[in-house]
Amino acid sequence: MTDYENDLDYTYHLGSLDPTLRSTI
């Protein structure tokens, strides 16, 4: 369950806690 992108084949789209958005909070 650790390498979700390579072993589980999914990733996440942009969310509020991504560094580019989190700087405002």
mmCIF file of all heavy atoms, coordinates in Angstrom:
data_MODEL
# 
_entry.id   MODEL 
# 
loop_
_atom_site.group_PDB 
_atom_site.id 
_atom_site.type_symbol 
_atom_site.label_atom_id 
_atom_site.label_alt_id 
_atom_site.label_comp_id 
_atom_site.label_asym_id 
_atom_site.label_entity_id 
_atom_site.label_seq_id 
_atom_site.pdbx_PDB_ins_code 
_atom_site.Cartn_x 
_atom_site.Cartn_y 
_atom_site.Cartn_z 
_atom_site.occupancy 
_atom_site.B_iso_or_equiv 
_atom_site.pdbx_formal_charge 
_atom_site.auth_seq_id 
_atom_site.auth_comp_id 
_atom_site.auth_asym_id 
_atom_site.auth_atom_id 
_atom_site.pdbx_PDB_model_num 
ATOM 1   N N   . MET A 1 1  ? 0.810  -1.220 0.000   1.00 0.00 ? 1  MET A N   1 
ATOM 2   C CA  . MET A 1 1  ? 0.000  0.000  0.000   1.00 0.00 ? 1  MET A CA  1 
ATOM 3   C C   . MET A 1 1  ? 0.846  1.274  0.000   1.00 0.00 ? 1  MET A C   1 
ATOM 4   O O   . MET A 1 1  ? 0.307  2.375  -0.032  1.00 0.00 ? 1  MET A O   1 
ATOM 5   C CB  . MET A 1 1  ? -0.904 0.026  1.245   1.00 0.00 ? 1  MET A CB  1 
ATOM 6   C CG  . MET A 1 1  ? -1.996 -1.019 1.260   1.00 0.00 ? 1  MET A CG  1 
ATOM 7   S SD  . MET A 1 1  ? -3.230 -0.743 -0.048  1.00 0.00 ? 1  MET A SD  1 
ATOM 8   C CE  . MET A 1 1  ? -2.892 -2.163 -1.108  1.00 0.00 ? 1  MET A CE  1 
ATOM 9   N N   . THR A 1 2  ? 2.162  1.152  0.024   1.00 0.00 ? 2  THR A N   1 
ATOM 10  C CA  . THR A 1 2  ? 3.015  2.337  0.182   1.00 0.00 ? 2  THR A CA  1 
ATOM 11  C C   . THR A 1 2  ? 3.162  3.139  -1.108  1.00 0.00 ? 2  THR A C   1 
ATOM 12  O O   . THR A 1 2  ? 2.913  4.340  -1.146  1.00 0.00 ? 2  THR A O   1 
ATOM 13  C CB  . THR A 1 2  ? 4.403  1.927  0.704   1.00 0.00 ? 2  THR A CB  1 
ATOM 14  O OG1 . THR A 1 2  ? 4.248  1.235  1.943   1.00 0.00 ? 2  THR A OG1 1 
ATOM 15  C CG2 . THR A 1 2  ? 5.283  3.144  0.917   1.00 0.00 ? 2  THR A CG2 1 
ATOM 16  N N   . ASP A 1 3  ? 3.570  2.475  -2.190  1.00 0.00 ? 3  ASP A N   1 
ATOM 17  C CA  . ASP A 1 3  ? 3.788  3.161  -3.469  1.00 0.00 ? 3  ASP A CA  1 
ATOM 18  C C   . ASP A 1 3  ? 2.481  3.164  -4.257  1.00 0.00 ? 3  ASP A C   1 
ATOM 19  O O   . ASP A 1 3  ? 2.245  2.323  -5.129  1.00 0.00 ? 3  ASP A O   1 
ATOM 20  C CB  . ASP A 1 3  ? 4.901  2.471  -4.254  1.00 0.00 ? 3  ASP A CB  1 
ATOM 21  C CG  . ASP A 1 3  ? 5.381  3.300  -5.441  1.00 0.00 ? 3  ASP A CG  1 
ATOM 22  O OD1 . ASP A 1 3  ? 4.645  4.220  -5.858  1.00 0.00 ? 3  ASP A OD1 1 
ATOM 23  O OD2 . ASP A 1 3  ? 6.475  3.015  -5.956  1.00 0.00 ? 3  ASP A OD2 1 
ATOM 24  N N   . TYR A 1 4  ? 1.618  4.118  -3.944  1.00 0.00 ? 4  TYR A N   1 
ATOM 25  C CA  . TYR A 1 4  ? 0.279  4.120  -4.535  1.00 0.00 ? 4  TYR A CA  1 
ATOM 26  C C   . TYR A 1 4  ? 0.305  4.406  -6.035  1.00 0.00 ? 4  TYR A C   1 
ATOM 27  O O   . TYR A 1 4  ? -0.565 3.932  -6.772  1.00 0.00 ? 4  TYR A O   1 
ATOM 28  C CB  . TYR A 1 4  ? -0.613 5.134  -3.805  1.00 0.00 ? 4  TYR A CB  1 
ATOM 29  C CG  . TYR A 1 4  ? -0.049 6.531  -3.721  1.00 0.00 ? 4  TYR A CG  1 
ATOM 30  C CD1 . TYR A 1 4  ? -0.332 7.482  -4.683  1.00 0.00 ? 4  TYR A CD1 1 
ATOM 31  C CD2 . TYR A 1 4  ? 0.783  6.898  -2.660  1.00 0.00 ? 4  TYR A CD2 1 
ATOM 32  C CE1 . TYR A 1 4  ? 0.202  8.760  -4.606  1.00 0.00 ? 4  TYR A CE1 1 
ATOM 33  C CE2 . TYR A 1 4  ? 1.307  8.163  -2.574  1.00 0.00 ? 4  TYR A CE2 1 
ATOM 34  C CZ  . TYR A 1 4  ? 1.022  9.098  -3.554  1.00 0.00 ? 4  TYR A CZ  1 
ATOM 35  O OH  . TYR A 1 4  ? 1.564  10.356 -3.471  1.00 0.00 ? 4  TYR A OH  1 
ATOM 36  N N   . GLU A 1 5  ? 1.297  5.164  -6.506  1.00 0.00 ? 5  GLU A N   1 
ATOM 37  C CA  . GLU A 1 5  ? 1.325  5.496  -7.934  1.00 0.00 ? 5  GLU A CA  1 
ATOM 38  C C   . GLU A 1 5  ? 1.801  4.323  -8.788  1.00 0.00 ? 5  GLU A C   1 
ATOM 39  O O   . GLU A 1 5  ? 1.201  4.022  -9.821  1.00 0.00 ? 5  GLU A O   1 
ATOM 40  C CB  . GLU A 1 5  ? 2.202  6.722  -8.171  1.00 0.00 ? 5  GLU A CB  1 
ATOM 41  C CG  . GLU A 1 5  ? 1.585  8.018  -7.641  1.00 0.00 ? 5  GLU A CG  1 
ATOM 42  C CD  . GLU A 1 5  ? 2.305  9.250  -8.151  1.00 0.00 ? 5  GLU A CD  1 
ATOM 43  O OE1 . GLU A 1 5  ? 3.506  9.148  -8.504  1.00 0.00 ? 5  GLU A OE1 1 
ATOM 44  O OE2 . GLU A 1 5  ? 1.664  10.327 -8.196  1.00 0.00 ? 5  GLU A OE2 1 
ATOM 45  N N   . ASN A 1 6  ? 2.867  3.643  -8.377  1.00 0.00 ? 6  ASN A N   1 
ATOM 46  C CA  . ASN A 1 6  ? 3.422  2.567  -9.195  1.00 0.00 ? 6  ASN A CA  1 
ATOM 47  C C   . ASN A 1 6  ? 2.797  1.209  -8.909  1.00 0.00 ? 6  ASN A C   1 
ATOM 48  O O   . ASN A 1 6  ? 2.527  0.441  -9.834  1.00 0.00 ? 6  ASN A O   1 
ATOM 49  C CB  . ASN A 1 6  ? 4.944  2.497  -8.996  1.00 0.00 ? 6  ASN A CB  1 
ATOM 50  C CG  . ASN A 1 6  ? 5.651  3.713  -9.544  1.00 0.00 ? 6  ASN A CG  1 
ATOM 51  O OD1 . ASN A 1 6  ? 5.486  4.066  -10.706 1.00 0.00 ? 6  ASN A OD1 1 
ATOM 52  N ND2 . ASN A 1 6  ? 6.430  4.381  -8.709  1.00 0.00 ? 6  ASN A ND2 1 
ATOM 53  N N   . ASP A 1 7  ? 2.553  0.905  -7.640  1.00 0.00 ? 7  ASP A N   1 
ATOM 54  C CA  . ASP A 1 7  ? 2.013  -0.412 -7.301  1.00 0.00 ? 7  ASP A CA  1 
ATOM 55  C C   . ASP A 1 7  ? 0.489  -0.461 -7.372  1.00 0.00 ? 7  ASP A C   1 
ATOM 56  O O   . ASP A 1 7  ? -0.083 -1.506 -7.692  1.00 0.00 ? 7  ASP A O   1 
ATOM 57  C CB  . ASP A 1 7  ? 2.460  -0.828 -5.895  1.00 0.00 ? 7  ASP A CB  1 
ATOM 58  C CG  . ASP A 1 7  ? 3.953  -1.140 -5.825  1.00 0.00 ? 7  ASP A CG  1 
ATOM 59  O OD1 . ASP A 1 7  ? 4.569  -1.302 -6.899  1.00 0.00 ? 7  ASP A OD1 1 
ATOM 60  O OD2 . ASP A 1 7  ? 4.493  -1.209 -4.709  1.00 0.00 ? 7  ASP A OD2 1 
ATOM 61  N N   . LEU A 1 8  ? -0.171 0.656  -7.060  1.00 0.00 ? 8  LEU A N   1 
ATOM 62  C CA  . LEU A 1 8  ? -1.626 0.676  -7.024  1.00 0.00 ? 8  LEU A CA  1 
ATOM 63  C C   . LEU A 1 8  ? -2.233 1.438  -8.190  1.00 0.00 ? 8  LEU A C   1 
ATOM 64  O O   . LEU A 1 8  ? -3.448 1.425  -8.384  1.00 0.00 ? 8  LEU A O   1 
ATOM 65  C CB  . LEU A 1 8  ? -2.117 1.276  -5.695  1.00 0.00 ? 8  LEU A CB  1 
ATOM 66  C CG  . LEU A 1 8  ? -1.587 0.592  -4.432  1.00 0.00 ? 8  LEU A CG  1 
ATOM 67  C CD1 . LEU A 1 8  ? -2.132 1.268  -3.181  1.00 0.00 ? 8  LEU A CD1 1 
ATOM 68  C CD2 . LEU A 1 8  ? -1.938 -0.897 -4.435  1.00 0.00 ? 8  LEU A CD2 1 
ATOM 69  N N   . ASP A 1 9  ? -1.407 2.136  -8.947  1.00 0.00 ? 9  ASP A N   1 
ATOM 70  C CA  . ASP A 1 9  ? -1.811 2.746  -10.219 1.00 0.00 ? 9  ASP A CA  1 
ATOM 71  C C   . ASP A 1 9  ? -2.810 3.890  -10.052 1.00 0.00 ? 9  ASP A C   1 
ATOM 72  O O   . ASP A 1 9  ? -3.713 4.048  -10.865 1.00 0.00 ? 9  ASP A O   1 
ATOM 73  C CB  . ASP A 1 9  ? -2.382 1.677  -11.153 1.00 0.00 ? 9  ASP A CB  1 
ATOM 74  C CG  . ASP A 1 9  ? -2.434 2.147  -12.604 1.00 0.00 ? 9  ASP A CG  1 
ATOM 75  O OD1 . ASP A 1 9  ? -1.560 2.927  -13.007 1.00 0.00 ? 9  ASP A OD1 1 
ATOM 76  O OD2 . ASP A 1 9  ? -3.371 1.739  -13.336 1.00 0.00 ? 9  ASP A OD2 1 
ATOM 77  N N   . TYR A 1 10 ? -2.691 4.692  -9.002  1.00 0.00 ? 10 TYR A N   1 
ATOM 78  C CA  . TYR A 1 10 ? -3.536 5.876  -8.917  1.00 0.00 ? 10 TYR A CA  1 
ATOM 79  C C   . TYR A 1 10 ? -2.732 7.045  -8.362  1.00 0.00 ? 10 TYR A C   1 
ATOM 80  O O   . TYR A 1 10 ? -1.689 6.878  -7.723  1.00 0.00 ? 10 TYR A O   1 
ATOM 81  C CB  . TYR A 1 10 ? -4.786 5.627  -8.060  1.00 0.00 ? 10 TYR A CB  1 
ATOM 82  C CG  . TYR A 1 10 ? -4.567 5.538  -6.560  1.00 0.00 ? 10 TYR A CG  1 
ATOM 83  C CD1 . TYR A 1 10 ? -4.529 6.687  -5.768  1.00 0.00 ? 10 TYR A CD1 1 
ATOM 84  C CD2 . TYR A 1 10 ? -4.430 4.306  -5.918  1.00 0.00 ? 10 TYR A CD2 1 
ATOM 85  C CE1 . TYR A 1 10 ? -4.349 6.609  -4.389  1.00 0.00 ? 10 TYR A CE1 1 
ATOM 86  C CE2 . TYR A 1 10 ? -4.252 4.228  -4.541  1.00 0.00 ? 10 TYR A CE2 1 
ATOM 87  C CZ  . TYR A 1 10 ? -4.206 5.389  -3.782  1.00 0.00 ? 10 TYR A CZ  1 
ATOM 88  O OH  . TYR A 1 10 ? -4.032 5.314  -2.420  1.00 0.00 ? 10 TYR A OH  1 
ATOM 89  N N   . THR A 1 11 ? -3.225 8.241  -8.632  1.00 0.00 ? 11 THR A N   1 
ATOM 90  C CA  . THR A 1 11 ? -2.634 9.452  -8.073  1.00 0.00 ? 11 THR A CA  1 
ATOM 91  C C   . THR A 1 11 ? -3.767 10.413 -7.735  1.00 0.00 ? 11 THR A C   1 
ATOM 92  O O   . THR A 1 11 ? -4.922 10.156 -8.051  1.00 0.00 ? 11 THR A O   1 
ATOM 93  C CB  . THR A 1 11 ? -1.646 10.105 -9.060  1.00 0.00 ? 11 THR A CB  1 
ATOM 94  O OG1 . THR A 1 11 ? -0.903 11.128 -8.383  1.00 0.00 ? 11 THR A OG1 1 
ATOM 95  C CG2 . THR A 1 11 ? -2.373 10.713 -10.256 1.00 0.00 ? 11 THR A CG2 1 
ATOM 96  N N   . TYR A 1 12 ? -3.410 11.525 -7.096  1.00 0.00 ? 12 TYR A N   1 
ATOM 97  C CA  . TYR A 1 12 ? -4.415 12.505 -6.707  1.00 0.00 ? 12 TYR A CA  1 
ATOM 98  C C   . TYR A 1 12 ? -4.268 13.793 -7.496  1.00 0.00 ? 12 TYR A C   1 
ATOM 99  O O   . TYR A 1 12 ? -3.156 14.281 -7.728  1.00 0.00 ? 12 TYR A O   1 
ATOM 100 C CB  . TYR A 1 12 ? -4.311 12.814 -5.204  1.00 0.00 ? 12 TYR A CB  1 
ATOM 101 C CG  . TYR A 1 12 ? -4.936 11.747 -4.350  1.00 0.00 ? 12 TYR A CG  1 
ATOM 102 C CD1 . TYR A 1 12 ? -4.149 10.811 -3.672  1.00 0.00 ? 12 TYR A CD1 1 
ATOM 103 C CD2 . TYR A 1 12 ? -6.317 11.641 -4.223  1.00 0.00 ? 12 TYR A CD2 1 
ATOM 104 C CE1 . TYR A 1 12 ? -4.726 9.818  -2.888  1.00 0.00 ? 12 TYR A CE1 1 
ATOM 105 C CE2 . TYR A 1 12 ? -6.905 10.657 -3.452  1.00 0.00 ? 12 TYR A CE2 1 
ATOM 106 C CZ  . TYR A 1 12 ? -6.109 9.747  -2.787  1.00 0.00 ? 12 TYR A CZ  1 
ATOM 107 O OH  . TYR A 1 12 ? -6.686 8.764  -2.031  1.00 0.00 ? 12 TYR A OH  1 
ATOM 108 N N   . HIS A 1 13 ? -5.400 14.319 -7.900  1.00 0.00 ? 13 HIS A N   1 
ATOM 109 C CA  . HIS A 1 13 ? -5.473 15.633 -8.504  1.00 0.00 ? 13 HIS A CA  1 
ATOM 110 C C   . HIS A 1 13 ? -5.247 16.676 -7.406  1.00 0.00 ? 13 HIS A C   1 
ATOM 111 O O   . HIS A 1 13 ? -5.216 16.346 -6.223  1.00 0.00 ? 13 HIS A O   1 
ATOM 112 C CB  . HIS A 1 13 ? -6.850 15.811 -9.164  1.00 0.00 ? 13 HIS A CB  1 
ATOM 113 C CG  . HIS A 1 13 ? -6.953 16.992 -10.077 1.00 0.00 ? 13 HIS A CG  1 
ATOM 114 N ND1 . HIS A 1 13 ? -7.752 18.079 -9.788  1.00 0.00 ? 13 HIS A ND1 1 
ATOM 115 C CD2 . HIS A 1 13 ? -6.377 17.258 -11.277 1.00 0.00 ? 13 HIS A CD2 1 
ATOM 116 C CE1 . HIS A 1 13 ? -7.669 18.949 -10.772 1.00 0.00 ? 13 HIS A CE1 1 
ATOM 117 N NE2 . HIS A 1 13 ? -6.846 18.487 -11.686 1.00 0.00 ? 13 HIS A NE2 1 
ATOM 118 N N   . LEU A 1 14 ? -5.124 17.931 -7.792  1.00 0.00 ? 14 LEU A N   1 
ATOM 119 C CA  . LEU A 1 14 ? -4.836 19.008 -6.858  1.00 0.00 ? 14 LEU A CA  1 
ATOM 120 C C   . LEU A 1 14 ? -5.898 19.116 -5.771  1.00 0.00 ? 14 LEU A C   1 
ATOM 121 O O   . LEU A 1 14 ? -7.100 19.039 -6.040  1.00 0.00 ? 14 LEU A O   1 
ATOM 122 C CB  . LEU A 1 14 ? -4.760 20.330 -7.621  1.00 0.00 ? 14 LEU A CB  1 
ATOM 123 C CG  . LEU A 1 14 ? -4.125 21.515 -6.892  1.00 0.00 ? 14 LEU A CG  1 
ATOM 124 C CD1 . LEU A 1 14 ? -2.641 21.250 -6.654  1.00 0.00 ? 14 LEU A CD1 1 
ATOM 125 C CD2 . LEU A 1 14 ? -4.314 22.786 -7.718  1.00 0.00 ? 14 LEU A CD2 1 
ATOM 126 N N   . GLY A 1 15 ? -5.438 19.284 -4.520  1.00 0.00 ? 15 GLY A N   1 
ATOM 127 C CA  . GLY A 1 15 ? -6.339 19.462 -3.379  1.00 0.00 ? 15 GLY A CA  1 
ATOM 128 C C   . GLY A 1 15 ? -5.847 20.578 -2.478  1.00 0.00 ? 15 GLY A C   1 
ATOM 129 O O   . GLY A 1 15 ? -4.753 21.133 -2.677  1.00 0.00 ? 15 GLY A O   1 
ATOM 130 N N   . SER A 1 16 ? -6.635 20.906 -1.472  1.00 0.00 ? 16 SER A N   1 
ATOM 131 C CA  . SER A 1 16 ? -6.366 22.075 -0.636  1.00 0.00 ? 16 SER A CA  1 
ATOM 132 C C   . SER A 1 16 ? -5.093 21.967 0.183   1.00 0.00 ? 16 SER A C   1 
ATOM 133 O O   . SER A 1 16 ? -4.571 22.989 0.649   1.00 0.00 ? 16 SER A O   1 
ATOM 134 C CB  . SER A 1 16 ? -7.554 22.327 0.299   1.00 0.00 ? 16 SER A CB  1 
ATOM 135 O OG  . SER A 1 16 ? -7.780 21.199 1.138   1.00 0.00 ? 16 SER A OG  1 
ATOM 136 N N   . LEU A 1 17 ? -4.572 20.761 0.394   1.00 0.00 ? 17 LEU A N   1 
ATOM 137 C CA  . LEU A 1 17 ? -3.355 20.608 1.187   1.00 0.00 ? 17 LEU A CA  1 
ATOM 138 C C   . LEU A 1 17 ? -2.097 20.442 0.346   1.00 0.00 ? 17 LEU A C   1 
ATOM 139 O O   . LEU A 1 17 ? -1.014 20.224 0.890   1.00 0.00 ? 17 LEU A O   1 
ATOM 140 C CB  . LEU A 1 17 ? -3.500 19.434 2.158   1.00 0.00 ? 17 LEU A CB  1 
ATOM 141 C CG  . LEU A 1 17 ? -4.457 19.685 3.322   1.00 0.00 ? 17 LEU A CG  1 
ATOM 142 C CD1 . LEU A 1 17 ? -4.552 18.465 4.221   1.00 0.00 ? 17 LEU A CD1 1 
ATOM 143 C CD2 . LEU A 1 17 ? -4.046 20.906 4.130   1.00 0.00 ? 17 LEU A CD2 1 
ATOM 144 N N   . ASP A 1 18 ? -2.225 20.553 -0.974  1.00 0.00 ? 18 ASP A N   1 
ATOM 145 C CA  . ASP A 1 18 ? -1.029 20.588 -1.805  1.00 0.00 ? 18 ASP A CA  1 
ATOM 146 C C   . ASP A 1 18 ? -0.238 21.849 -1.456  1.00 0.00 ? 18 ASP A C   1 
ATOM 147 O O   . ASP A 1 18 ? -0.826 22.893 -1.146  1.00 0.00 ? 18 ASP A O   1 
ATOM 148 C CB  . ASP A 1 18 ? -1.406 20.581 -3.279  1.00 0.00 ? 18 ASP A CB  1 
ATOM 149 C CG  . ASP A 1 18 ? -1.764 19.200 -3.771  1.00 0.00 ? 18 ASP A CG  1 
ATOM 150 O OD1 . ASP A 1 18 ? -2.912 18.762 -3.528  1.00 0.00 ? 18 ASP A OD1 1 
ATOM 151 O OD2 . ASP A 1 18 ? -0.900 18.542 -4.367  1.00 0.00 ? 18 ASP A OD2 1 
ATOM 152 N N   . PRO A 1 19 ? 1.103  21.781 -1.497  1.00 0.00 ? 19 PRO A N   1 
ATOM 153 C CA  . PRO A 1 19 ? 1.921  22.917 -1.052  1.00 0.00 ? 19 PRO A CA  1 
ATOM 154 C C   . PRO A 1 19 ? 1.568  24.242 -1.710  1.00 0.00 ? 19 PRO A C   1 
ATOM 155 O O   . PRO A 1 19 ? 1.613  25.297 -1.061  1.00 0.00 ? 19 PRO A O   1 
ATOM 156 C CB  . PRO A 1 19 ? 3.348  22.466 -1.408  1.00 0.00 ? 19 PRO A CB  1 
ATOM 157 C CG  . PRO A 1 19 ? 3.288  20.984 -1.336  1.00 0.00 ? 19 PRO A CG  1 
ATOM 158 C CD  . PRO A 1 19 ? 1.915  20.610 -1.833  1.00 0.00 ? 19 PRO A CD  1 
ATOM 159 N N   . THR A 1 20 ? 1.187  24.228 -2.985  1.00 0.00 ? 20 THR A N   1 
ATOM 160 C CA  . THR A 1 20 ? 0.885  25.482 -3.677  1.00 0.00 ? 20 THR A CA  1 
ATOM 161 C C   . THR A 1 20 ? -0.363 26.156 -3.135  1.00 0.00 ? 20 THR A C   1 
ATOM 162 O O   . THR A 1 20 ? -0.516 27.371 -3.237  1.00 0.00 ? 20 THR A O   1 
ATOM 163 C CB  . THR A 1 20 ? 0.702  25.232 -5.184  1.00 0.00 ? 20 THR A CB  1 
ATOM 164 O OG1 . THR A 1 20 ? -0.297 24.206 -5.366  1.00 0.00 ? 20 THR A OG1 1 
ATOM 165 C CG2 . THR A 1 20 ? 2.002  24.789 -5.815  1.00 0.00 ? 20 THR A CG2 1 
ATOM 166 N N   . LEU A 1 21 ? -1.282 25.385 -2.553  1.00 0.00 ? 21 LEU A N   1 
ATOM 167 C CA  . LEU A 1 21 ? -2.507 25.950 -1.985  1.00 0.00 ? 21 LEU A CA  1 
ATOM 168 C C   . LEU A 1 21 ? -2.420 26.084 -0.470  1.00 0.00 ? 21 LEU A C   1 
ATOM 169 O O   . LEU A 1 21 ? -3.050 26.961 0.114   1.00 0.00 ? 21 LEU A O   1 
ATOM 170 C CB  . LEU A 1 21 ? -3.708 25.069 -2.343  1.00 0.00 ? 21 LEU A CB  1 
ATOM 171 C CG  . LEU A 1 21 ? -4.017 24.924 -3.839  1.00 0.00 ? 21 LEU A CG  1 
ATOM 172 C CD1 . LEU A 1 21 ? -5.217 24.009 -4.028  1.00 0.00 ? 21 LEU A CD1 1 
ATOM 173 C CD2 . LEU A 1 21 ? -4.296 26.275 -4.464  1.00 0.00 ? 21 LEU A CD2 1 
ATOM 174 N N   . ARG A 1 22 ? -1.616 25.232 0.142   1.00 0.00 ? 22 ARG A N   1 
ATOM 175 C CA  . ARG A 1 22 ? -1.549 25.207 1.598   1.00 0.00 ? 22 ARG A CA  1 
ATOM 176 C C   . ARG A 1 22 ? -0.877 26.449 2.155   1.00 0.00 ? 22 ARG A C   1 
ATOM 177 O O   . ARG A 1 22 ? -1.068 26.806 3.311   1.00 0.00 ? 22 ARG A O   1 
ATOM 178 C CB  . ARG A 1 22 ? -0.794 23.959 2.053   1.00 0.00 ? 22 ARG A CB  1 
ATOM 179 C CG  . ARG A 1 22 ? -0.977 23.640 3.517   1.00 0.00 ? 22 ARG A CG  1 
ATOM 180 C CD  . ARG A 1 22 ? -0.470 22.249 3.832   1.00 0.00 ? 22 ARG A CD  1 
ATOM 181 N NE  . ARG A 1 22 ? 0.967  22.147 3.822   1.00 0.00 ? 22 ARG A NE  1 
ATOM 182 C CZ  . ARG A 1 22 ? 1.663  21.308 3.063   1.00 0.00 ? 22 ARG A CZ  1 
ATOM 183 N NH1 . ARG A 1 22 ? 1.053  20.511 2.213   1.00 0.00 ? 22 ARG A NH1 1 
ATOM 184 N NH2 . ARG A 1 22 ? 2.980  21.258 3.138   1.00 0.00 ? 22 ARG A NH2 1 
ATOM 185 N N   . SER A 1 23 ? -0.105 27.168 1.344   1.00 0.00 ? 23 SER A N   1 
ATOM 186 C CA  . SER A 1 23 ? 0.601  28.337 1.826   1.00 0.00 ? 23 SER A CA  1 
ATOM 187 C C   . SER A 1 23 ? -0.354 29.412 2.340   1.00 0.00 ? 23 SER A C   1 
ATOM 188 O O   . SER A 1 23 ? 0.010  30.244 3.162   1.00 0.00 ? 23 SER A O   1 
ATOM 189 C CB  . SER A 1 23 ? 1.473  28.927 0.708   1.00 0.00 ? 23 SER A CB  1 
ATOM 190 O OG  . SER A 1 23 ? 0.655  29.307 -0.398  1.00 0.00 ? 23 SER A OG  1 
ATOM 191 N N   . THR A 1 24 ? -1.599 29.380 1.860   1.00 0.00 ? 24 THR A N   1 
ATOM 192 C CA  . THR A 1 24 ? -2.570 30.381 2.295   1.00 0.00 ? 24 THR A CA  1 
ATOM 193 C C   . THR A 1 24 ? -3.200 30.036 3.637   1.00 0.00 ? 24 THR A C   1 
ATOM 194 O O   . THR A 1 24 ? -3.897 30.856 4.221   1.00 0.00 ? 24 THR A O   1 
ATOM 195 C CB  . THR A 1 24 ? -3.683 30.532 1.249   1.00 0.00 ? 24 THR A CB  1 
ATOM 196 O OG1 . THR A 1 24 ? -4.383 29.280 1.127   1.00 0.00 ? 24 THR A OG1 1 
ATOM 197 C CG2 . THR A 1 24 ? -3.113 30.930 -0.094  1.00 0.00 ? 24 THR A CG2 1 
ATOM 198 N N   . ILE A 1 25 ? -2.952 28.815 4.139   1.00 0.00 ? 25 ILE A N   1 
ATOM 199 C CA  . ILE A 1 25 ? -3.524 28.408 5.420   1.00 0.00 ? 25 ILE A CA  1 
ATOM 200 C C   . ILE A 1 25 ? -2.432 27.819 6.310   1.00 0.00 ? 25 ILE A C   1 
ATOM 201 O O   . ILE A 1 25 ? -2.609 26.822 6.963   1.00 0.00 ? 25 ILE A O   1 
ATOM 202 C CB  . ILE A 1 25 ? -4.675 27.392 5.220   1.00 0.00 ? 25 ILE A CB  1 
ATOM 203 C CG1 . ILE A 1 25 ? -4.250 26.235 4.301   1.00 0.00 ? 25 ILE A CG1 1 
ATOM 204 C CG2 . ILE A 1 25 ? -5.901 28.063 4.685   1.00 0.00 ? 25 ILE A CG2 1 
ATOM 205 C CD1 . ILE A 1 25 ? -5.303 25.163 4.149   1.00 0.00 ? 25 ILE A CD1 1 
# 
